[in-house]
Protein backbone atom coordinates (compact mmCIF):
# COMPACT_ATOMS: atom_id res chain seq x y z
CA UNK A 1 -27.15 59.12 46.17
CA UNK A 2 -26.99 59.50 42.40
CA UNK A 3 -26.19 55.79 42.12
CA UNK A 4 -29.41 54.92 43.84
CA UNK A 5 -31.36 57.12 41.46
CA UNK A 6 -29.74 55.42 38.45
CA UNK A 7 -30.42 52.00 39.95
CA UNK A 8 -34.04 52.98 40.67
CA UNK A 9 -34.53 54.14 37.08
CA UNK A 10 -33.04 50.89 35.71
CA UNK A 11 -35.24 48.77 37.96
CA UNK A 12 -38.35 50.74 37.08
CA UNK A 13 -37.60 50.21 33.36
CA UNK A 14 -36.97 46.47 33.69
CA UNK A 15 -38.66 45.69 30.38
CA UNK A 16 -36.30 47.98 28.54
CA UNK A 17 -33.30 46.40 30.29
CA UNK A 18 -34.54 42.90 29.56
CA UNK A 19 -35.06 43.82 25.88
CA UNK A 20 -31.53 45.27 25.61
CA UNK A 21 -30.04 42.12 27.18
CA UNK A 22 -32.06 39.91 24.80
CA UNK A 23 -30.86 41.92 21.77
CA UNK A 24 -27.26 41.63 23.00
CA UNK A 25 -27.62 37.85 23.41
CA UNK A 26 -29.12 37.47 19.90
CA UNK A 27 -26.31 39.55 18.38
CA UNK A 28 -23.73 37.40 20.23
CA UNK A 29 -25.32 34.16 19.01
CA UNK A 30 -25.45 35.38 15.39
CA UNK A 31 -21.81 36.55 15.55
CA UNK A 32 -20.70 33.20 17.02
CA UNK A 33 -22.67 31.23 14.39
CA UNK A 34 -21.05 33.30 11.62
CA UNK A 35 -17.55 32.55 12.99
CA UNK A 36 -18.31 28.84 13.29
CA UNK A 37 -19.54 28.77 9.68
CA UNK A 38 -16.36 30.43 8.44
CA UNK A 39 -14.16 28.02 10.40
CA UNK A 40 -16.13 25.07 9.04
CA UNK A 41 -15.63 26.26 5.46
CA UNK A 42 -11.89 26.65 6.04
CA UNK A 43 -11.72 23.19 7.60
CA UNK A 44 -13.49 21.67 4.56
CA UNK A 45 -10.99 23.31 2.20
CA UNK A 46 -8.12 21.99 4.29
CA UNK A 47 -9.62 18.48 4.34
CA UNK A 48 -9.95 18.47 0.53
CA UNK A 49 -6.32 19.53 0.09
CA UNK A 50 -5.14 16.87 2.55
CA UNK A 51 -7.22 14.20 0.79
CA UNK A 52 -5.60 15.13 -2.52
CA UNK A 53 -2.15 14.94 -0.92
CA UNK A 54 -3.01 11.57 0.60
CA UNK A 55 -4.19 10.22 -2.76
CA UNK A 56 -0.93 11.34 -4.39
CA UNK A 57 1.09 9.75 -1.59
CA UNK A 58 -0.80 6.48 -1.92
CA UNK A 59 -0.23 6.44 -5.67
CA UNK A 60 3.49 7.04 -5.14
CA UNK A 61 3.67 4.25 -2.56
CA UNK A 62 1.92 1.80 -4.88
CA UNK A 63 4.22 2.78 -7.74
CA UNK A 64 7.29 2.41 -5.53
CA UNK A 65 6.18 -1.06 -4.42
CA UNK A 66 5.59 -2.12 -8.01
CA UNK A 67 9.01 -0.77 -9.04
CA UNK A 68 10.64 -2.62 -6.15
CA UNK A 69 9.02 -5.88 -7.24
CA UNK A 70 10.18 -5.33 -10.83
CA UNK A 71 13.73 -4.52 -9.75
CA UNK A 72 13.85 -7.57 -7.49
CA UNK A 73 12.56 -9.74 -10.32
CA UNK A 74 15.13 -8.36 -12.76
CA UNK A 75 17.97 -8.77 -10.25
CA UNK A 76 16.87 -12.32 -9.47
CA UNK A 77 16.66 -13.27 -13.13
CA UNK A 78 20.01 -11.59 -13.84
CA UNK A 79 21.62 -13.51 -10.99
CA UNK A 80 20.02 -16.75 -12.21
CA UNK A 81 21.31 -16.28 -15.76
CA UNK A 82 24.72 -15.18 -14.52
CA UNK A 83 25.06 -18.30 -12.36
CA UNK A 84 23.77 -20.56 -15.15
CA UNK A 85 26.15 -18.86 -17.58
CA UNK A 86 29.13 -19.45 -15.29
CA UNK A 87 28.16 -23.10 -14.88
CA UNK A 88 27.91 -23.51 -18.66
CA UNK A 89 31.24 -21.79 -19.22
CA UNK A 90 32.94 -24.05 -16.64
CA UNK A 91 31.44 -27.15 -18.21
CA UNK A 92 32.36 -26.04 -21.74
CA UNK A 93 35.94 -25.24 -20.66
CA UNK A 94 36.26 -28.68 -19.07
CA UNK A 95 34.91 -30.37 -22.19
CA UNK A 96 37.21 -28.40 -24.49
CA UNK A 97 40.25 -29.50 -22.50
CA UNK A 98 39.01 -33.08 -22.57
CA UNK A 99 38.46 -33.23 -26.33
CA UNK A 100 41.04 -30.69 -27.51
CA UNK A 101 43.63 -33.22 -28.70
CA UNK A 102 41.39 -34.90 -31.25
CA UNK A 103 39.51 -31.77 -32.46
CA UNK A 104 36.36 -33.82 -32.90
CA UNK A 105 33.19 -32.45 -31.36
CA UNK A 106 31.44 -35.26 -29.53
CA UNK A 107 27.64 -35.54 -29.51
CA UNK A 108 27.56 -35.17 -25.69
CA UNK A 109 29.09 -31.75 -26.00
CA UNK A 110 26.60 -30.70 -28.66
CA UNK A 111 23.70 -31.98 -26.53
CA UNK A 112 24.91 -30.12 -23.43
CA UNK A 113 25.47 -26.96 -25.45
CA UNK A 114 21.95 -27.18 -26.81
CA UNK A 115 20.57 -27.74 -23.29
CA UNK A 116 22.43 -24.68 -22.02
CA UNK A 117 21.12 -22.57 -24.88
CA UNK A 118 17.49 -23.51 -24.23
CA UNK A 119 17.58 -22.77 -20.49
C-alpha cells in the first residue's frame, strides 16, 4: 500500500519530476560534451606529434635516397676508372714488350699514353 502512496505523490507532482529529469539530462549532456572536448584536445596533440614524426621520417627517406644515388654514382665511376685503368695497363705492358729491345719510345705510345691520361 505504501508503494501506491509514493506513486500517487510522484504522479501528482509531475512537474517536479519532469523538472528533475530535465536537469539530469542537461547535466548528462554537459558532462558528455566536456569529455568529448578533452578527447578532441588529446587527439589534436597526438596528431601534431605524429605529423612531426612523419616529417622527420620523410626527411630521412629523402636523405637516404640521395645518399644511395651518390654511392651508386661513386661506385659506377670507380668501376669505370678501374676498368679503364686495367685496359691502359694491359696496353702499356704490351707496348713495352714490343719496343723494349730498342729502348726508343715511339710516337704511337706517347699518343696512346696521352689519350689514356685525358680520359
